[in-house]
């Protein structure tokens, strides 16, 4: 069914030419935002190292290598203390959120959701491998990688995508 020359399906979409132009932020503002994002990312990396590269008393009973997605999640949920399960699952989700927010600001080519997921999964996989190989009282857990990546995707969808577009808007074309 046509609606003034447009189909109902395309009535809600704008053509690329009809979209409002996004102008890049002034260079000093962009540099300031990127500098702040860099400082926050470094602080996050330090916090991530402290949290993930030290033995965790809360997960002492669950220390084993897990290569089966969902296995640790079930173990967390079957714990008698709900608080410990919330800490494990929520903590792993929250660890990924900064990647989803900061990556599009620091790396304009990583603004897409698939790239954010891929970079986060690779970084978290390396963290888990380091935990399993180097830290006594820690083990590799694929569920942690999945939860961290999910957190990054949430951060990207909630704020990272918009921040990345605001800081790195494409310059309007001159015809």
N, C-alpha and C. Protein backbone atom coordinates (compact mmCIF):
# COMPACT_ATOMS: atom_id res chain seq x y z
N UNK A 1 0.85 -1.17 0.00
CA UNK A 1 0.00 0.00 0.00
C UNK A 1 0.90 1.24 0.00
N UNK A 2 0.68 2.11 -0.95
CA UNK A 2 1.52 3.31 -1.08
C UNK A 2 0.97 4.43 -0.21
N UNK A 3 1.85 5.18 0.34
CA UNK A 3 1.50 6.31 1.19
C UNK A 3 2.22 7.53 0.63
N UNK A 4 1.49 8.30 -0.21
CA UNK A 4 2.08 9.46 -0.87
C UNK A 4 3.34 9.09 -1.66
N UNK A 5 3.23 8.04 -2.44
CA UNK A 5 4.35 7.65 -3.29
C UNK A 5 5.38 6.78 -2.60
N UNK A 6 5.22 6.53 -1.32
CA UNK A 6 6.15 5.67 -0.60
C UNK A 6 5.39 4.47 -0.09
N UNK A 7 6.06 3.35 -0.03
CA UNK A 7 5.40 2.18 0.53
C UNK A 7 5.34 2.32 2.03
N UNK A 8 4.42 1.63 2.65
CA UNK A 8 4.30 1.69 4.11
C UNK A 8 5.58 1.18 4.77
N UNK A 9 6.24 0.23 4.10
CA UNK A 9 7.45 -0.34 4.67
C UNK A 9 8.58 0.69 4.73
N UNK A 10 8.69 1.55 3.72
CA UNK A 10 9.79 2.51 3.69
C UNK A 10 9.39 3.88 4.23
N UNK A 11 8.14 4.04 4.66
CA UNK A 11 7.67 5.34 5.12
C UNK A 11 8.44 5.85 6.34
N UNK A 12 8.90 4.95 7.21
CA UNK A 12 9.61 5.36 8.42
C UNK A 12 11.09 5.59 8.20
N UNK A 13 11.63 5.15 7.04
CA UNK A 13 13.06 5.28 6.79
C UNK A 13 13.33 6.52 5.96
N UNK A 14 14.49 7.12 6.22
CA UNK A 14 14.92 8.26 5.43
C UNK A 14 15.95 7.78 4.42
N UNK A 15 15.95 8.39 3.27
CA UNK A 15 16.99 8.08 2.30
C UNK A 15 18.28 8.71 2.79
N UNK A 16 19.43 8.21 2.33
CA UNK A 16 20.69 8.79 2.77
C UNK A 16 20.77 10.30 2.50
N UNK A 17 20.19 10.75 1.42
CA UNK A 17 20.24 12.18 1.11
C UNK A 17 19.35 13.00 2.05
N UNK A 18 18.31 12.38 2.62
CA UNK A 18 17.37 13.11 3.49
C UNK A 18 17.84 13.15 4.94
N UNK A 19 18.85 12.36 5.29
CA UNK A 19 19.34 12.36 6.67
C UNK A 19 20.05 13.68 6.96
N UNK A 20 19.87 14.18 8.17
CA UNK A 20 20.59 15.42 8.49
C UNK A 20 22.10 15.15 8.53
N UNK A 21 22.87 16.13 8.07
CA UNK A 21 24.32 15.98 8.07
C UNK A 21 24.87 16.02 9.49
N UNK A 22 25.80 15.16 9.76
CA UNK A 22 26.49 15.19 11.04
C UNK A 22 27.80 15.89 10.84
N UNK A 23 27.96 16.94 11.54
CA UNK A 23 29.22 17.67 11.44
C UNK A 23 30.14 17.19 12.55
N UNK A 24 31.42 17.03 12.23
CA UNK A 24 32.35 16.60 13.27
C UNK A 24 32.47 17.67 14.35
N UNK A 25 32.75 17.22 15.55
CA UNK A 25 33.01 18.16 16.64
C UNK A 25 34.26 18.96 16.29
N UNK A 26 34.38 20.16 16.83
CA UNK A 26 35.63 20.91 16.61
C UNK A 26 36.82 20.09 17.10
N UNK A 27 37.95 20.25 16.42
CA UNK A 27 39.14 19.46 16.72
C UNK A 27 39.55 19.51 18.18
N UNK A 28 39.59 20.68 18.85
CA UNK A 28 39.98 20.67 20.27
C UNK A 28 39.04 19.84 21.14
N UNK A 29 37.75 19.86 20.84
CA UNK A 29 36.78 19.08 21.62
C UNK A 29 37.00 17.59 21.36
N UNK A 30 37.21 17.24 20.10
CA UNK A 30 37.47 15.83 19.76
C UNK A 30 38.72 15.32 20.46
N UNK A 31 39.78 16.12 20.45
CA UNK A 31 41.02 15.70 21.11
C UNK A 31 40.83 15.56 22.61
N UNK A 32 40.07 16.47 23.21
CA UNK A 32 39.80 16.38 24.65
C UNK A 32 39.01 15.11 24.97
N UNK A 33 37.97 14.84 24.20
CA UNK A 33 37.16 13.64 24.43
C UNK A 33 38.01 12.39 24.27
N UNK A 34 38.85 12.35 23.24
CA UNK A 34 39.70 11.19 23.03
C UNK A 34 40.74 11.04 24.14
N UNK A 35 41.27 12.15 24.63
CA UNK A 35 42.24 12.09 25.74
C UNK A 35 41.58 11.56 27.00
N UNK A 36 40.38 12.05 27.29
CA UNK A 36 39.64 11.56 28.47
C UNK A 36 39.33 10.07 28.30
N UNK A 37 38.89 9.69 27.10
CA UNK A 37 38.59 8.27 26.85
C UNK A 37 39.84 7.42 27.01
N UNK A 38 40.98 7.91 26.58
CA UNK A 38 42.23 7.17 26.72
C UNK A 38 42.59 6.99 28.19
N UNK A 39 42.47 8.06 28.98
CA UNK A 39 42.77 7.98 30.41
C UNK A 39 41.83 6.99 31.09
N UNK A 40 40.55 7.05 30.74
CA UNK A 40 39.58 6.12 31.32
C UNK A 40 39.91 4.70 30.90
N UNK A 41 40.32 4.48 29.65
CA UNK A 41 40.66 3.13 29.19
C UNK A 41 41.88 2.59 29.93
N UNK A 42 42.87 3.44 30.17
CA UNK A 42 44.06 3.00 30.92
C UNK A 42 43.66 2.65 32.36
N UNK A 43 42.84 3.50 32.99
CA UNK A 43 42.37 3.20 34.34
C UNK A 43 41.57 1.90 34.35
N UNK A 44 40.75 1.71 33.32
CA UNK A 44 39.99 0.47 33.22
C UNK A 44 40.92 -0.73 33.06
N UNK A 45 41.97 -0.59 32.26
CA UNK A 45 42.91 -1.70 32.07
C UNK A 45 43.60 -2.07 33.38
N UNK A 46 43.95 -1.07 34.16
CA UNK A 46 44.58 -1.33 35.46
C UNK A 46 43.58 -2.04 36.38
N UNK A 47 42.35 -1.54 36.41
CA UNK A 47 41.32 -2.18 37.25
C UNK A 47 41.04 -3.60 36.77
N UNK A 48 40.99 -3.79 35.46
CA UNK A 48 40.76 -5.12 34.89
C UNK A 48 41.87 -6.07 35.30
N UNK A 49 43.10 -5.60 35.23
CA UNK A 49 44.24 -6.44 35.63
C UNK A 49 44.15 -6.81 37.11
N UNK A 50 43.79 -5.83 37.93
CA UNK A 50 43.69 -6.12 39.38
C UNK A 50 42.59 -7.13 39.67
N UNK A 51 41.47 -6.98 38.99
CA UNK A 51 40.32 -7.85 39.26
C UNK A 51 40.54 -9.24 38.69
N UNK A 52 41.12 -9.32 37.50
CA UNK A 52 41.19 -10.61 36.83
C UNK A 52 42.49 -11.37 37.05
N UNK A 53 43.52 -10.69 37.46
CA UNK A 53 44.81 -11.37 37.58
C UNK A 53 45.20 -11.65 39.04
N UNK A 54 44.23 -11.59 39.93
CA UNK A 54 44.43 -11.98 41.33
C UNK A 54 43.44 -13.09 41.64
N UNK A 55 43.80 -14.03 42.49
CA UNK A 55 42.85 -15.08 42.86
C UNK A 55 41.59 -14.50 43.48
N UNK A 56 40.47 -15.12 43.18
CA UNK A 56 39.18 -14.65 43.68
C UNK A 56 38.64 -15.61 44.74
N UNK A 57 38.51 -15.15 45.98
CA UNK A 57 37.98 -16.03 47.02
C UNK A 57 36.55 -16.48 46.74
N UNK A 58 35.77 -15.63 46.07
CA UNK A 58 34.36 -15.98 45.80
C UNK A 58 34.23 -17.15 44.83
N UNK A 59 35.25 -17.34 43.97
CA UNK A 59 35.14 -18.41 42.98
C UNK A 59 36.07 -19.58 43.26
N UNK A 60 36.57 -19.66 44.48
CA UNK A 60 37.52 -20.73 44.82
C UNK A 60 36.93 -22.12 44.55
N UNK A 61 35.66 -22.30 44.87
CA UNK A 61 35.03 -23.62 44.65
C UNK A 61 34.80 -23.90 43.18
N UNK A 62 34.84 -22.87 42.34
CA UNK A 62 34.54 -23.05 40.92
C UNK A 62 35.79 -23.04 40.05
N UNK A 63 36.96 -23.11 40.66
CA UNK A 63 38.20 -23.00 39.89
C UNK A 63 38.43 -24.30 39.12
N UNK A 64 38.17 -24.18 37.83
CA UNK A 64 38.45 -25.26 36.89
C UNK A 64 38.34 -24.68 35.48
N UNK A 65 39.07 -25.23 34.57
CA UNK A 65 38.99 -24.77 33.20
C UNK A 65 37.63 -25.13 32.64
N UNK A 66 37.01 -24.15 31.99
CA UNK A 66 35.69 -24.38 31.41
C UNK A 66 35.72 -24.03 29.93
N UNK A 67 35.59 -25.03 29.10
CA UNK A 67 35.53 -24.84 27.66
C UNK A 67 34.12 -25.04 27.11
N UNK A 68 33.17 -25.31 27.99
CA UNK A 68 31.78 -25.58 27.59
C UNK A 68 30.90 -24.39 27.93
N UNK A 69 30.46 -23.64 26.92
CA UNK A 69 29.62 -22.46 27.19
C UNK A 69 28.38 -22.82 28.02
N UNK A 70 28.17 -22.06 29.06
CA UNK A 70 27.02 -22.25 29.94
C UNK A 70 27.31 -23.05 31.19
N UNK A 71 28.40 -23.78 31.20
CA UNK A 71 28.71 -24.64 32.34
C UNK A 71 28.94 -23.84 33.61
N UNK A 72 29.76 -22.80 33.54
CA UNK A 72 30.02 -21.97 34.73
C UNK A 72 28.78 -21.18 35.12
N UNK A 73 28.03 -20.74 34.13
CA UNK A 73 26.79 -20.00 34.44
C UNK A 73 25.86 -20.85 35.29
N UNK A 74 25.71 -22.11 34.90
CA UNK A 74 24.86 -23.01 35.70
C UNK A 74 25.43 -23.18 37.10
N UNK A 75 26.75 -23.32 37.21
CA UNK A 75 27.37 -23.46 38.53
C UNK A 75 27.15 -22.21 39.37
N UNK A 76 27.28 -21.02 38.76
CA UNK A 76 27.03 -19.78 39.50
C UNK A 76 25.59 -19.73 40.00
N UNK A 77 24.67 -20.09 39.12
CA UNK A 77 23.24 -20.01 39.48
C UNK A 77 22.83 -21.06 40.49
N UNK A 78 23.57 -22.15 40.57
CA UNK A 78 23.25 -23.21 41.53
C UNK A 78 23.90 -22.98 42.89
N UNK A 79 24.68 -21.91 43.03
CA UNK A 79 25.29 -21.62 44.33
C UNK A 79 24.19 -21.30 45.33
N UNK A 80 24.48 -21.62 46.58
CA UNK A 80 23.48 -21.36 47.61
C UNK A 80 23.31 -19.87 47.89
N UNK A 81 24.34 -19.08 47.63
CA UNK A 81 24.28 -17.64 47.89
C UNK A 81 24.03 -16.89 46.59
N UNK A 82 22.89 -16.27 46.48
CA UNK A 82 22.53 -15.51 45.29
C UNK A 82 23.51 -14.36 45.07
N UNK A 83 23.98 -13.78 46.15
CA UNK A 83 24.91 -12.65 46.06
C UNK A 83 26.17 -13.03 45.29
N UNK A 84 26.70 -14.22 45.52
CA UNK A 84 27.90 -14.65 44.81
C UNK A 84 27.62 -14.82 43.31
N UNK A 85 26.46 -15.37 42.99
CA UNK A 85 26.09 -15.54 41.57
C UNK A 85 25.95 -14.18 40.89
N UNK A 86 25.32 -13.23 41.56
CA UNK A 86 25.16 -11.89 41.01
C UNK A 86 26.52 -11.23 40.82
N UNK A 87 27.43 -11.41 41.79
CA UNK A 87 28.77 -10.84 41.68
C UNK A 87 29.52 -11.43 40.48
N UNK A 88 29.44 -12.73 40.31
CA UNK A 88 30.15 -13.37 39.22
C UNK A 88 29.59 -12.98 37.86
N UNK A 89 28.29 -13.12 37.70
CA UNK A 89 27.66 -12.84 36.40
C UNK A 89 27.64 -11.34 36.13
N UNK A 90 27.15 -10.56 37.10
CA UNK A 90 27.09 -9.11 36.93
C UNK A 90 28.46 -8.49 36.77
N UNK A 91 29.42 -8.97 37.53
CA UNK A 91 30.77 -8.45 37.44
C UNK A 91 31.38 -8.70 36.06
N UNK A 92 31.16 -9.88 35.52
CA UNK A 92 31.69 -10.19 34.19
C UNK A 92 31.00 -9.36 33.11
N UNK A 93 29.70 -9.13 33.26
CA UNK A 93 29.00 -8.25 32.32
C UNK A 93 29.56 -6.83 32.40
N UNK A 94 29.71 -6.32 33.62
CA UNK A 94 30.19 -4.95 33.81
C UNK A 94 31.62 -4.76 33.31
N UNK A 95 32.45 -5.79 33.39
CA UNK A 95 33.83 -5.68 32.91
C UNK A 95 33.89 -5.39 31.41
N UNK A 96 32.90 -5.81 30.67
CA UNK A 96 32.91 -5.58 29.23
C UNK A 96 32.35 -4.24 28.81
N UNK A 97 31.51 -3.63 29.63
CA UNK A 97 30.82 -2.38 29.26
C UNK A 97 31.79 -1.28 28.81
N UNK A 98 32.88 -1.02 29.53
CA UNK A 98 33.79 0.05 29.07
C UNK A 98 34.33 -0.16 27.66
N UNK A 99 34.55 -1.39 27.26
CA UNK A 99 35.01 -1.64 25.89
C UNK A 99 33.98 -1.15 24.89
N UNK A 100 32.73 -1.46 25.13
CA UNK A 100 31.67 -1.05 24.22
C UNK A 100 31.49 0.45 24.14
N UNK A 101 31.82 1.14 25.22
CA UNK A 101 31.68 2.60 25.25
C UNK A 101 32.93 3.28 24.70
N UNK A 102 34.10 2.85 25.12
CA UNK A 102 35.34 3.55 24.80
C UNK A 102 35.95 3.17 23.45
N UNK A 103 35.78 1.95 23.02
CA UNK A 103 36.39 1.51 21.76
C UNK A 103 35.95 2.36 20.56
N UNK A 104 34.67 2.66 20.39
CA UNK A 104 34.27 3.50 19.25
C UNK A 104 34.83 4.93 19.33
N UNK A 105 35.13 5.40 20.53
CA UNK A 105 35.70 6.75 20.68
C UNK A 105 37.18 6.73 20.35
N UNK A 106 37.89 5.71 20.81
CA UNK A 106 39.34 5.64 20.61
C UNK A 106 39.73 5.09 19.24
N UNK A 107 38.92 4.25 18.67
CA UNK A 107 39.25 3.63 17.37
C UNK A 107 38.06 3.77 16.43
N UNK A 108 38.05 4.83 15.62
CA UNK A 108 36.89 5.07 14.75
C UNK A 108 36.55 3.90 13.82
N UNK A 109 37.53 3.12 13.45
CA UNK A 109 37.25 1.98 12.57
C UNK A 109 36.58 0.82 13.31
N UNK A 110 36.54 0.91 14.63
CA UNK A 110 35.92 -0.14 15.44
C UNK A 110 34.57 0.31 15.97
N UNK A 111 33.88 1.18 15.23
CA UNK A 111 32.60 1.69 15.70
C UNK A 111 31.45 0.71 15.51
N UNK A 112 31.56 -0.21 14.59
CA UNK A 112 30.47 -1.15 14.33
C UNK A 112 30.33 -2.18 15.44
N UNK A 113 29.13 -2.68 15.60
CA UNK A 113 28.84 -3.61 16.68
C UNK A 113 29.63 -4.92 16.54
N UNK A 114 29.81 -5.38 15.30
CA UNK A 114 30.56 -6.62 15.11
C UNK A 114 32.04 -6.44 15.44
N UNK A 115 32.59 -5.28 15.11
CA UNK A 115 33.99 -5.02 15.43
C UNK A 115 34.19 -4.87 16.94
N UNK A 116 33.26 -4.21 17.59
CA UNK A 116 33.34 -4.09 19.06
C UNK A 116 33.30 -5.48 19.68
N UNK A 117 32.39 -6.33 19.20
CA UNK A 117 32.28 -7.69 19.74
C UNK A 117 33.57 -8.47 19.48
N UNK A 118 34.12 -8.36 18.28
CA UNK A 118 35.33 -9.11 17.93
C UNK A 118 36.53 -8.66 18.76
N UNK A 119 36.75 -7.35 18.85
CA UNK A 119 37.89 -6.84 19.62
C UNK A 119 37.75 -7.21 21.09
N UNK A 120 36.55 -7.04 21.64
CA UNK A 120 36.34 -7.39 23.05
C UNK A 120 36.56 -8.87 23.28
N UNK A 121 36.01 -9.71 22.41
CA UNK A 121 36.18 -11.16 22.58
C UNK A 121 37.66 -11.54 22.53
N UNK A 122 38.42 -10.94 21.63
CA UNK A 122 39.85 -11.26 21.52
C UNK A 122 40.59 -10.82 22.78
N UNK A 123 40.34 -9.58 23.23
CA UNK A 123 41.03 -9.09 24.43
C UNK A 123 40.66 -9.95 25.65
N UNK A 124 39.40 -10.25 25.82
CA UNK A 124 38.97 -11.03 26.98
C UNK A 124 39.45 -12.48 26.89
N UNK A 125 39.54 -13.00 25.69
CA UNK A 125 40.10 -14.34 25.51
C UNK A 125 41.57 -14.36 25.95
N UNK A 126 42.31 -13.31 25.59
CA UNK A 126 43.71 -13.22 26.02
C UNK A 126 43.81 -13.09 27.54
N UNK A 127 42.92 -12.31 28.15
CA UNK A 127 42.91 -12.18 29.61
C UNK A 127 42.64 -13.54 30.25
N UNK A 128 41.66 -14.26 29.74
CA UNK A 128 41.33 -15.58 30.30
C UNK A 128 42.48 -16.57 30.11
N UNK A 129 43.13 -16.51 28.96
CA UNK A 129 44.28 -17.40 28.74
C UNK A 129 45.40 -17.08 29.73
N UNK A 130 45.64 -15.78 29.97
CA UNK A 130 46.66 -15.38 30.95
C UNK A 130 46.27 -15.86 32.34
N UNK A 131 44.99 -15.73 32.69
CA UNK A 131 44.53 -16.22 34.00
C UNK A 131 44.80 -17.70 34.15
N UNK A 132 44.41 -18.46 33.14
CA UNK A 132 44.55 -19.91 33.22
C UNK A 132 45.99 -20.38 33.24
N UNK A 133 46.86 -19.66 32.53
CA UNK A 133 48.24 -20.10 32.41
C UNK A 133 49.17 -19.54 33.49
N UNK A 134 48.87 -18.35 34.00
CA UNK A 134 49.84 -17.67 34.85
C UNK A 134 49.42 -17.45 36.30
N UNK A 135 48.15 -17.48 36.60
CA UNK A 135 47.68 -17.09 37.93
C UNK A 135 47.20 -18.31 38.71
N UNK A 136 47.85 -18.56 39.84
CA UNK A 136 47.41 -19.66 40.71
C UNK A 136 46.06 -19.26 41.32
N UNK A 137 45.12 -20.15 41.31
CA UNK A 137 43.80 -19.86 41.86
C UNK A 137 42.86 -19.28 40.84
N UNK A 138 43.24 -19.25 39.58
CA UNK A 138 42.38 -18.78 38.49
C UNK A 138 42.43 -19.81 37.37
N UNK A 139 41.40 -19.80 36.52
CA UNK A 139 41.35 -20.74 35.41
C UNK A 139 40.68 -20.09 34.22
N UNK A 140 40.91 -20.64 33.04
CA UNK A 140 40.27 -20.18 31.82
C UNK A 140 38.79 -20.54 31.88
N UNK A 141 37.92 -19.58 31.53
CA UNK A 141 36.47 -19.83 31.53
C UNK A 141 35.84 -19.14 30.33
N UNK A 142 35.35 -19.92 29.40
CA UNK A 142 34.73 -19.38 28.19
C UNK A 142 33.48 -18.56 28.52
N UNK A 143 32.79 -18.89 29.60
CA UNK A 143 31.61 -18.12 29.98
C UNK A 143 31.98 -16.69 30.37
N UNK A 144 33.15 -16.50 30.94
CA UNK A 144 33.60 -15.14 31.26
C UNK A 144 33.79 -14.33 29.98
N UNK A 145 34.37 -14.94 28.95
CA UNK A 145 34.56 -14.26 27.66
C UNK A 145 33.20 -13.88 27.08
N UNK A 146 32.25 -14.81 27.14
CA UNK A 146 30.91 -14.54 26.61
C UNK A 146 30.23 -13.42 27.38
N UNK A 147 30.30 -13.45 28.70
CA UNK A 147 29.68 -12.41 29.52
C UNK A 147 30.36 -11.05 29.30
N UNK A 148 31.68 -11.02 29.23
CA UNK A 148 32.40 -9.77 28.98
C UNK A 148 32.02 -9.18 27.63
N UNK A 149 31.93 -10.02 26.62
CA UNK A 149 31.57 -9.55 25.28
C UNK A 149 30.13 -9.06 25.25
N UNK A 150 29.25 -9.74 25.96
CA UNK A 150 27.86 -9.29 26.05
C UNK A 150 27.79 -7.93 26.73
N UNK A 151 28.57 -7.73 27.77
CA UNK A 151 28.62 -6.43 28.43
C UNK A 151 29.11 -5.34 27.49
N UNK A 152 30.11 -5.65 26.66
CA UNK A 152 30.61 -4.67 25.69
C UNK A 152 29.54 -4.30 24.68
N UNK A 153 28.78 -5.29 24.25
CA UNK A 153 27.69 -5.02 23.30
C UNK A 153 26.62 -4.14 23.93
N UNK A 154 26.32 -4.39 25.19
CA UNK A 154 25.35 -3.53 25.89
C UNK A 154 25.88 -2.10 26.01
N UNK A 155 27.13 -1.95 26.39
CA UNK A 155 27.74 -0.62 26.49
C UNK A 155 27.75 0.09 25.16
N UNK A 156 28.02 -0.66 24.10
CA UNK A 156 28.03 -0.09 22.75
C UNK A 156 26.64 0.39 22.35
N UNK A 157 25.65 -0.44 22.60
CA UNK A 157 24.28 -0.08 22.22
C UNK A 157 23.73 1.07 23.06
N UNK A 158 24.07 1.10 24.34
CA UNK A 158 23.55 2.14 25.22
C UNK A 158 24.22 3.49 25.02
N UNK A 159 25.54 3.50 24.80
CA UNK A 159 26.24 4.78 24.76
C UNK A 159 27.37 4.85 23.73
N UNK A 160 28.09 3.79 23.54
CA UNK A 160 29.28 3.80 22.69
C UNK A 160 29.03 4.20 21.26
N UNK A 161 27.96 3.70 20.68
CA UNK A 161 27.65 4.02 19.28
C UNK A 161 27.45 5.52 19.10
N UNK A 162 26.67 6.11 20.00
CA UNK A 162 26.40 7.56 19.90
C UNK A 162 27.66 8.38 20.15
N UNK A 163 28.46 7.98 21.15
CA UNK A 163 29.70 8.72 21.42
C UNK A 163 30.67 8.62 20.24
N UNK A 164 30.80 7.44 19.68
CA UNK A 164 31.67 7.26 18.52
C UNK A 164 31.23 8.10 17.35
N UNK A 165 29.93 8.15 17.09
CA UNK A 165 29.42 8.99 16.00
C UNK A 165 29.61 10.47 16.28
N UNK A 166 29.45 10.87 17.53
CA UNK A 166 29.60 12.29 17.88
C UNK A 166 31.05 12.73 17.73
N UNK A 167 31.97 11.90 18.17
CA UNK A 167 33.39 12.27 18.13
C UNK A 167 33.96 12.13 16.72
N UNK A 168 33.54 11.12 16.01
CA UNK A 168 34.11 10.83 14.70
C UNK A 168 33.07 10.91 13.59
N UNK A 169 32.26 11.95 13.60
CA UNK A 169 31.25 12.11 12.54
C UNK A 169 31.96 12.29 11.21
N UNK A 170 31.33 11.78 10.18
CA UNK A 170 31.90 11.94 8.86
C UNK A 170 31.74 13.37 8.39
N UNK A 171 32.74 13.84 7.72
CA UNK A 171 32.68 15.21 7.20
C UNK A 171 31.67 15.26 6.06
N UNK A 172 30.89 16.34 5.99
CA UNK A 172 29.95 16.46 4.88
C UNK A 172 30.70 16.51 3.55
N UNK A 173 30.13 15.86 2.56
CA UNK A 173 30.75 15.85 1.23
C UNK A 173 30.52 17.19 0.55
N UNK A 174 31.54 17.62 -0.17
CA UNK A 174 31.40 18.84 -0.97
C UNK A 174 31.18 18.42 -2.40
N UNK A 175 30.02 18.78 -2.92
CA UNK A 175 29.69 18.36 -4.30
C UNK A 175 30.17 19.35 -5.32
